[in-house]
Amino acid sequence: AATLGFVYGSLQILQAGVPYRFLRLELWAPWEAPGVSWIVPVMTFTVLAGLNTDYDVFLVSGIRKMRTQGMSSDEAIIQ
């Protein structure tokens, strides 16, 4: 969560044209933009939560398949 917050904070600073110092360089956004739209973090979270759920289902179904083939729980998880 801290990494995602850092990325969105940096993106907001860059998009809003706020100066900041990075390695003693003053950087400005060359465009006029009000910042990051509110929908960007909402949609990013939604997509990442969906991908996470899909991967969990894929992972658990593979473990269950190995268990039905006679492997122990530890062997199925390792496979």
PDB file of N, CA and C in Angstrom:
ATOM      1  N   ALA A   1       0.832  -1.183   0.000  1.00  0.00           N
ATOM      2  CA  ALA A   1       0.000   0.000   0.000  1.00  0.00           C
ATOM      3  C   ALA A   1       0.882   1.254   0.000  1.00  0.00           C
ATOM      4  N   ALA A   2       1.997   1.208   0.676  1.00  0.00           N
ATOM      5  CA  ALA A   2       2.875   2.380   0.715  1.00  0.00           C
ATOM      6  C   ALA A   2       3.475   2.639  -0.663  1.00  0.00           C
ATOM      7  N   THR A   3       3.817   1.592  -1.391  1.00  0.00           N
ATOM      8  CA  THR A   3       4.378   1.761  -2.729  1.00  0.00           C
ATOM      9  C   THR A   3       3.357   2.389  -3.661  1.00  0.00           C
ATOM     10  N   LEU A   4       2.126   1.889  -3.608  1.00  0.00           N
ATOM     11  CA  LEU A   4       1.074   2.439  -4.451  1.00  0.00           C
ATOM     12  C   LEU A   4       0.802   3.901  -4.089  1.00  0.00           C
ATOM     13  N   GLY A   5       0.815   4.216  -2.809  1.00  0.00           N
ATOM     14  CA  GLY A   5       0.632   5.596  -2.377  1.00  0.00           C
ATOM     15  C   GLY A   5       1.752   6.502  -2.859  1.00  0.00           C
ATOM     16  N   PHE A   6       2.983   5.996  -2.824  1.00  0.00           N
ATOM     17  CA  PHE A   6       4.123   6.773  -3.312  1.00  0.00           C
ATOM     18  C   PHE A   6       4.007   7.037  -4.804  1.00  0.00           C
ATOM     19  N   VAL A   7       3.609   6.005  -5.552  1.00  0.00           N
ATOM     20  CA  VAL A   7       3.474   6.157  -7.007  1.00  0.00           C
ATOM     21  C   VAL A   7       2.388   7.177  -7.338  1.00  0.00           C
ATOM     22  N   TYR A   8       1.222   7.061  -6.694  1.00  0.00           N
ATOM     23  CA  TYR A   8       0.148   8.005  -6.966  1.00  0.00           C
ATOM     24  C   TYR A   8       0.495   9.410  -6.498  1.00  0.00           C
ATOM     25  N   GLY A   9       1.196   9.523  -5.387  1.00  0.00           N
ATOM     26  CA  GLY A   9       1.629  10.837  -4.927  1.00  0.00           C
ATOM     27  C   GLY A   9       2.601  11.478  -5.896  1.00  0.00           C
ATOM     28  N   SER A  10       3.560  10.713  -6.389  1.00  0.00           N
ATOM     29  CA  SER A  10       4.515  11.220  -7.373  1.00  0.00           C
ATOM     30  C   SER A  10       3.814  11.602  -8.665  1.00  0.00           C
ATOM     31  N   LEU A  11       2.873  10.776  -9.087  1.00  0.00           N
ATOM     32  CA  LEU A  11       2.124  11.070 -10.302  1.00  0.00           C
ATOM     33  C   LEU A  11       1.314  12.352 -10.142  1.00  0.00           C
ATOM     34  N   GLN A  12       0.724  12.532  -8.979  1.00  0.00           N
ATOM     35  CA  GLN A  12      -0.057  13.749  -8.719  1.00  0.00           C
ATOM     36  C   GLN A  12       0.848  14.982  -8.761  1.00  0.00           C
ATOM     37  N   ILE A  13       2.027  14.872  -8.168  1.00  0.00           N
ATOM     38  CA  ILE A  13       2.959  15.999  -8.168  1.00  0.00           C
ATOM     39  C   ILE A  13       3.393  16.330  -9.591  1.00  0.00           C
ATOM     40  N   LEU A  14       3.721  15.314 -10.381  1.00  0.00           N
ATOM     41  CA  LEU A  14       4.156  15.555 -11.755  1.00  0.00           C
ATOM     42  C   LEU A  14       3.030  16.103 -12.613  1.00  0.00           C
ATOM     43  N   GLN A  15       1.849  15.525 -12.491  1.00  0.00           N
ATOM     44  CA  GLN A  15       0.733  15.959 -13.322  1.00  0.00           C
ATOM     45  C   GLN A  15       0.255  17.359 -12.971  1.00  0.00           C
ATOM     46  N   ALA A  16       0.344  17.731 -11.711  1.00  0.00           N
ATOM     47  CA  ALA A  16      -0.143  19.042 -11.288  1.00  0.00           C
ATOM     48  C   ALA A  16       0.857  20.156 -11.593  1.00  0.00           C
ATOM     49  N   GLY A  17       2.071  19.800 -11.985  1.00  0.00           N
ATOM     50  CA  GLY A  17       3.062  20.813 -12.305  1.00  0.00           C
ATOM     51  C   GLY A  17       3.706  21.422 -11.079  1.00  0.00           C
ATOM     52  N   VAL A  18       3.661  20.725  -9.968  1.00  0.00           N
ATOM     53  CA  VAL A  18       4.257  21.224  -8.735  1.00  0.00           C
ATOM     54  C   VAL A  18       5.760  20.941  -8.784  1.00  0.00           C
ATOM     55  N   PRO A  19       6.596  21.946  -8.510  1.00  0.00           N
ATOM     56  CA  PRO A  19       8.036  21.693  -8.543  1.00  0.00           C
ATOM     57  C   PRO A  19       8.471  20.860  -7.335  1.00  0.00           C
ATOM     58  N   TYR A  20       9.430  20.024  -7.532  1.00  0.00           N
ATOM     59  CA  TYR A  20      10.015  19.285  -6.424  1.00  0.00           C
ATOM     60  C   TYR A  20      11.473  19.000  -6.757  1.00  0.00           C
ATOM     61  N   ARG A  21      12.208  18.701  -5.734  1.00  0.00           N
ATOM     62  CA  ARG A  21      13.632  18.457  -5.946  1.00  0.00           C
ATOM     63  C   ARG A  21      13.917  16.959  -5.870  1.00  0.00           C
ATOM     64  N   PHE A  22      14.581  16.499  -6.909  1.00  0.00           N
ATOM     65  CA  PHE A  22      14.992  15.100  -6.976  1.00  0.00           C
ATOM     66  C   PHE A  22      16.426  15.095  -7.474  1.00  0.00           C
ATOM     67  N   LEU A  23      17.321  14.650  -6.640  1.00  0.00           N
ATOM     68  CA  LEU A  23      18.751  14.703  -6.943  1.00  0.00           C
ATOM     69  C   LEU A  23      19.203  16.139  -7.254  1.00  0.00           C
ATOM     70  N   ARG A  24      18.604  17.091  -6.508  1.00  0.00           N
ATOM     71  CA  ARG A  24      18.918  18.517  -6.619  1.00  0.00           C
ATOM     72  C   ARG A  24      18.584  19.102  -7.994  1.00  0.00           C
ATOM     73  N   LEU A  25      17.623  18.499  -8.658  1.00  0.00           N
ATOM     74  CA  LEU A  25      17.134  19.032  -9.926  1.00  0.00           C
ATOM     75  C   LEU A  25      15.713  19.527  -9.708  1.00  0.00           C
ATOM     76  N   GLU A  26      15.404  20.671 -10.246  1.00  0.00           N
ATOM     77  CA  GLU A  26      14.041  21.161 -10.137  1.00  0.00           C
ATOM     78  C   GLU A  26      13.296  20.766 -11.404  1.00  0.00           C
ATOM     79  N   LEU A  27      12.261  19.978 -11.229  1.00  0.00           N
ATOM     80  CA  LEU A  27      11.501  19.466 -12.364  1.00  0.00           C
ATOM     81  C   LEU A  27      10.116  20.097 -12.394  1.00  0.00           C
ATOM     82  N   TRP A  28       9.663  20.438 -13.565  1.00  0.00           N
ATOM     83  CA  TRP A  28       8.320  21.003 -13.752  1.00  0.00           C
ATOM     84  C   TRP A  28       7.618  20.187 -14.818  1.00  0.00           C
ATOM     85  N   ALA A  29       6.344  20.021 -14.676  1.00  0.00           N
ATOM     86  CA  ALA A  29       5.557  19.377 -15.730  1.00  0.00           C
ATOM     87  C   ALA A  29       5.370  20.409 -16.848  1.00  0.00           C
ATOM     88  N   PRO A  30       5.664  20.053 -18.082  1.00  0.00           N
ATOM     89  CA  PRO A  30       5.593  21.037 -19.175  1.00  0.00           C
ATOM     90  C   PRO A  30       4.178  21.273 -19.695  1.00  0.00           C
ATOM     91  N   TRP A  31       3.194  20.689 -19.079  1.00  0.00           N
ATOM     92  CA  TRP A  31       1.820  20.819 -19.549  1.00  0.00           C
ATOM     93  C   TRP A  31       0.941  21.391 -18.445  1.00  0.00           C
ATOM     94  N   GLU A  32      -0.185  21.872 -18.851  1.00  0.00           N
ATOM     95  CA  GLU A  32      -1.158  22.387 -17.900  1.00  0.00           C
ATOM     96  C   GLU A  32      -2.169  21.282 -17.624  1.00  0.00           C
ATOM     97  N   ALA A  33      -2.099  20.687 -16.462  1.00  0.00           N
ATOM     98  CA  ALA A  33      -3.017  19.608 -16.097  1.00  0.00           C
ATOM     99  C   ALA A  33      -3.410  19.790 -14.640  1.00  0.00           C
ATOM    100  N   PRO A  34      -4.651  19.512 -14.305  1.00  0.00           N
ATOM    101  CA  PRO A  34      -5.086  19.689 -12.919  1.00  0.00           C
ATOM    102  C   PRO A  34      -4.620  18.592 -11.979  1.00  0.00           C
ATOM    103  N   GLY A  35      -4.036  17.553 -12.491  1.00  0.00           N
ATOM    104  CA  GLY A  35      -3.586  16.436 -11.656  1.00  0.00           C
ATOM    105  C   GLY A  35      -4.208  15.129 -12.109  1.00  0.00           C
ATOM    106  N   VAL A  36      -4.078  14.146 -11.300  1.00  0.00           N
ATOM    107  CA  VAL A  36      -4.595  12.821 -11.627  1.00  0.00           C
ATOM    108  C   VAL A  36      -6.091  12.802 -11.354  1.00  0.00           C
ATOM    109  N   SER A  37      -6.816  12.258 -12.285  1.00  0.00           N
ATOM    110  CA  SER A  37      -8.263  12.140 -12.117  1.00  0.00           C
ATOM    111  C   SER A  37      -8.586  11.179 -10.979  1.00  0.00           C
ATOM    112  N   TRP A  38      -9.683  11.394 -10.301  1.00  0.00           N
ATOM    113  CA  TRP A  38     -10.084  10.550  -9.174  1.00  0.00           C
ATOM    114  C   TRP A  38     -10.355   9.117  -9.612  1.00  0.00           C
ATOM    115  N   ILE A  39     -10.663   8.911 -10.877  1.00  0.00           N
ATOM    116  CA  ILE A  39     -11.038   7.577 -11.362  1.00  0.00           C
ATOM    117  C   ILE A  39      -9.806   6.667 -11.528  1.00  0.00           C
ATOM    118  N   VAL A  40      -8.622   7.231 -11.669  1.00  0.00           N
ATOM    119  CA  VAL A  40      -7.420   6.418 -11.897  1.00  0.00           C
ATOM    120  C   VAL A  40      -7.148   5.469 -10.728  1.00  0.00           C
ATOM    121  N   PRO A  41      -7.074   5.933  -9.469  1.00  0.00           N
ATOM    122  CA  PRO A  41      -6.840   4.990  -8.377  1.00  0.00           C
ATOM    123  C   PRO A  41      -7.991   4.003  -8.185  1.00  0.00           C
ATOM    124  N   VAL A  42      -9.219   4.468  -8.412  1.00  0.00           N
ATOM    125  CA  VAL A  42     -10.379   3.585  -8.245  1.00  0.00           C
ATOM    126  C   VAL A  42     -10.335   2.449  -9.258  1.00  0.00           C
ATOM    127  N   MET A  43     -10.091   2.772 -10.507  1.00  0.00           N
ATOM    128  CA  MET A  43     -10.047   1.739 -11.549  1.00  0.00           C
ATOM    129  C   MET A  43      -8.820   0.843 -11.397  1.00  0.00           C
ATOM    130  N   THR A  44      -7.695   1.412 -10.997  1.00  0.00           N
ATOM    131  CA  THR A  44      -6.502   0.601 -10.789  1.00  0.00           C
ATOM    132  C   THR A  44      -6.739  -0.423  -9.688  1.00  0.00           C
ATOM    133  N   PHE A  45      -7.333   0.006  -8.583  1.00  0.00           N
ATOM    134  CA  PHE A  45      -7.627  -0.922  -7.496  1.00  0.00           C
ATOM    135  C   PHE A  45      -8.591  -2.009  -7.958  1.00  0.00           C
ATOM    136  N   THR A  46      -9.615  -1.626  -8.708  1.00  0.00           N
ATOM    137  CA  THR A  46     -10.602  -2.596  -9.183  1.00  0.00           C
ATOM    138  C   THR A  46      -9.964  -3.639 -10.085  1.00  0.00           C
ATOM    139  N   VAL A  47      -9.150  -3.207 -11.019  1.00  0.00           N
ATOM    140  CA  VAL A  47      -8.490  -4.142 -11.940  1.00  0.00           C
ATOM    141  C   VAL A  47      -7.527  -5.049 -11.193  1.00  0.00           C
ATOM    142  N   LEU A  48      -6.735  -4.489 -10.279  1.00  0.00           N
ATOM    143  CA  LEU A  48      -5.778  -5.307  -9.534  1.00  0.00           C
ATOM    144  C   LEU A  48      -6.476  -6.298  -8.609  1.00  0.00           C
ATOM    145  N   ALA A  49      -7.581  -5.899  -7.990  1.00  0.00           N
ATOM    146  CA  ALA A  49      -8.336  -6.829  -7.143  1.00  0.00           C
ATOM    147  C   ALA A  49      -8.920  -7.954  -7.990  1.00  0.00           C
ATOM    148  N   GLY A  50      -9.399  -7.642  -9.182  1.00  0.00           N
ATOM    149  CA  GLY A  50      -9.919  -8.670 -10.085  1.00  0.00           C
ATOM    150  C   GLY A  50      -8.837  -9.639 -10.534  1.00  0.00           C
ATOM    151  N   LEU A  51      -7.676  -9.117 -10.877  1.00  0.00           N
ATOM    152  CA  LEU A  51      -6.568  -9.990 -11.274  1.00  0.00           C
ATOM    153  C   LEU A  51      -6.119 -10.883 -10.121  1.00  0.00           C
ATOM    154  N   ASN A  52      -6.092 -10.321  -8.924  1.00  0.00           N
ATOM    155  CA  ASN A  52      -5.705 -11.088  -7.751  1.00  0.00           C
ATOM    156  C   ASN A  52      -6.686 -12.227  -7.501  1.00  0.00           C
ATOM    157  N   THR A  53      -7.974 -11.944  -7.597  1.00  0.00           N
ATOM    158  CA  THR A  53      -8.991 -12.968  -7.379  1.00  0.00           C
ATOM    159  C   THR A  53      -8.888 -14.051  -8.441  1.00  0.00           C
ATOM    160  N   ASP A  54      -8.695 -13.668  -9.682  1.00  0.00           N
ATOM    161  CA  ASP A  54      -8.564 -14.637 -10.768  1.00  0.00           C
ATOM    162  C   ASP A  54      -7.357 -15.552 -10.549  1.00  0.00           C
ATOM    163  N   TYR A  55      -6.235 -14.968 -10.134  1.00  0.00           N
ATOM    164  CA  TYR A  55      -5.048 -15.770  -9.885  1.00  0.00           C
ATOM    165  C   TYR A  55      -5.258 -16.705  -8.700  1.00  0.00           C
ATOM    166  N   ASP A  56      -5.929 -16.233  -7.656  1.00  0.00           N
ATOM    167  CA  ASP A  56      -6.207 -17.096  -6.504  1.00  0.00           C
ATOM    168  C   ASP A  56      -7.061 -18.292  -6.897  1.00  0.00           C
ATOM    169  N   VAL A  57      -8.080 -18.063  -7.715  1.00  0.00           N
ATOM    170  CA  VAL A  57      -8.924 -19.171  -8.174  1.00  0.00           C
ATOM    171  C   VAL A  57      -8.093 -20.159  -8.989  1.00  0.00           C
ATOM    172  N   PHE A  58      -7.244 -19.654  -9.872  1.00  0.00           N
ATOM    173  CA  PHE A  58      -6.368 -20.503 -10.672  1.00  0.00           C
ATOM    174  C   PHE A  58      -5.430 -21.324  -9.788  1.00  0.00           C
ATOM    175  N   LEU A  59      -4.856 -20.690  -8.784  1.00  0.00           N
ATOM    176  CA  LEU A  59      -3.914 -21.351  -7.893  1.00  0.00           C
ATOM    177  C   LEU A  59      -4.600 -22.437  -7.059  1.00  0.00           C
ATOM    178  N   VAL A  60      -5.745 -22.099  -6.466  1.00  0.00           N
ATOM    179  CA  VAL A  60      -6.447 -23.054  -5.611  1.00  0.00           C
ATOM    180  C   VAL A  60      -6.999 -24.222  -6.437  1.00  0.00           C
ATOM    181  N   SER A  61      -7.458 -23.953  -7.655  1.00  0.00           N
ATOM    182  CA  SER A  61      -7.968 -25.053  -8.483  1.00  0.00           C
ATOM    183  C   SER A  61      -6.842 -26.013  -8.869  1.00  0.00           C
ATOM    184  N   GLY A  62      -5.643 -25.494  -9.075  1.00  0.00           N
ATOM    185  CA  GLY A  62      -4.506 -26.370  -9.360  1.00  0.00           C
ATOM    186  C   GLY A  62      -4.136 -27.233  -8.163  1.00  0.00           C
ATOM    187  N   ILE A  63      -4.177 -26.650  -6.966  1.00  0.00           N
ATOM    188  CA  ILE A  63      -3.886 -27.417  -5.750  1.00  0.00           C
ATOM    189  C   ILE A  63      -4.949 -28.482  -5.541  1.00  0.00           C
ATOM    190  N   ARG A  64      -6.196 -28.117  -5.768  1.00  0.00           N
ATOM    191  CA  ARG A  64      -7.289 -29.085  -5.587  1.00  0.00           C
ATOM    192  C   ARG A  64      -7.158 -30.240  -6.582  1.00  0.00           C
ATOM    193  N   LYS A  65      -6.776 -29.940  -7.799  1.00  0.00           N
ATOM    194  CA  LYS A  65      -6.585 -30.978  -8.815  1.00  0.00           C
ATOM    195  C   LYS A  65      -5.491 -31.953  -8.378  1.00  0.00           C
ATOM    196  N   MET A  66      -4.398 -31.425  -7.856  1.00  0.00           N
ATOM    197  CA  MET A  66      -3.304 -32.286  -7.381  1.00  0.00           C
ATOM    198  C   MET A  66      -3.755 -33.143  -6.197  1.00  0.00           C
ATOM    199  N   ARG A  67      -4.582 -32.566  -5.326  1.00  0.00           N
ATOM    200  CA  ARG A  67      -5.088 -33.332  -4.174  1.00  0.00           C
ATOM    201  C   ARG A  67      -5.972 -34.479  -4.628  1.00  0.00           C
ATOM    202  N   THR A  68      -6.787 -34.270  -5.671  1.00  0.00           N
ATOM    203  CA  THR A  68      -7.648 -35.355  -6.171  1.00  0.00           C
ATOM    204  C   THR A  68      -6.838 -36.445  -6.857  1.00  0.00           C
ATOM    205  N   GLN A  69      -5.629 -36.124  -7.269  1.00  0.00           N
ATOM    206  CA  GLN A  69      -4.755 -37.123  -7.876  1.00  0.00           C
ATOM    207  C   GLN A  69      -3.977 -37.907  -6.827  1.00  0.00           C
ATOM    208  N   GLY A  70      -4.209 -37.610  -5.552  1.00  0.00           N
ATOM    209  CA  GLY A  70      -3.614 -38.399  -4.482  1.00  0.00           C
ATOM    210  C   GLY A  70      -2.427 -37.782  -3.783  1.00  0.00           C
ATOM    211  N   MET A  71      -2.080 -36.582  -4.097  1.00  0.00           N
ATOM    212  CA  MET A  71      -0.943 -35.941  -3.418  1.00  0.00           C
ATOM    213  C   MET A  71      -1.381 -35.402  -2.069  1.00  0.00           C
ATOM    214  N   SER A  72      -0.414 -35.262  -1.164  1.00  0.00           N
ATOM    215  CA  SER A  72      -0.723 -34.642   0.119  1.00  0.00           C
ATOM    216  C   SER A  72      -0.846 -33.121  -0.092  1.00  0.00           C
ATOM    217  N   SER A  73      -1.329 -32.458   0.926  1.00  0.00           N
ATOM    218  CA  SER A  73      -1.498 -30.994   0.810  1.00  0.00           C
ATOM    219  C   SER A  73      -0.170 -30.299   0.559  1.00  0.00           C
ATOM    220  N   ASP A  74       0.874 -30.705   1.289  1.00  0.00           N
ATOM    221  CA  ASP A  74       2.187 -30.077   1.105  1.00  0.00           C
ATOM    222  C   ASP A  74       2.742 -30.323  -0.274  1.00  0.00           C
ATOM    223  N   GLU A  75       2.620 -31.549  -0.788  1.00  0.00           N
ATOM    224  CA  GLU A  75       3.111 -31.859  -2.134  1.00  0.00           C
ATOM    225  C   GLU A  75       2.342 -31.076  -3.195  1.00  0.00           C
ATOM    226  N   ALA A  76       1.042 -30.950  -3.029  1.00  0.00           N
ATOM    227  CA  ALA A  76       0.223 -30.232  -3.998  1.00  0.00           C
ATOM    228  C   ALA A  76       0.574 -28.744  -4.013  1.00  0.00           C
ATOM    229  N   ILE A  77       0.852 -28.177  -2.865  1.00  0.00           N
ATOM    230  CA  ILE A  77       1.221 -26.760  -2.807  1.00  0.00           C
ATOM    231  C   ILE A  77       2.581 -26.529  -3.450  1.00  0.00           C
ATOM    232  N   ILE A  78       3.514 -27.439  -3.218  1.00  0.00           N
ATOM    233  CA  ILE A  78       4.850 -27.287  -3.787  1.00  0.00           C
ATOM    234  C   ILE A  78       4.818 -27.439  -5.308  1.00  0.00           C
ATOM    235  N   GLN A  79       3.994 -28.358  -5.800  1.00  0.00           N
ATOM    236  CA  GLN A  79       3.891 -28.571  -7.237  1.00  0.00           C
ATOM    237  C   GLN A  79       3.296 -27.344  -7.872  1.00  0.00           C
TER     238      GLN A  79
END
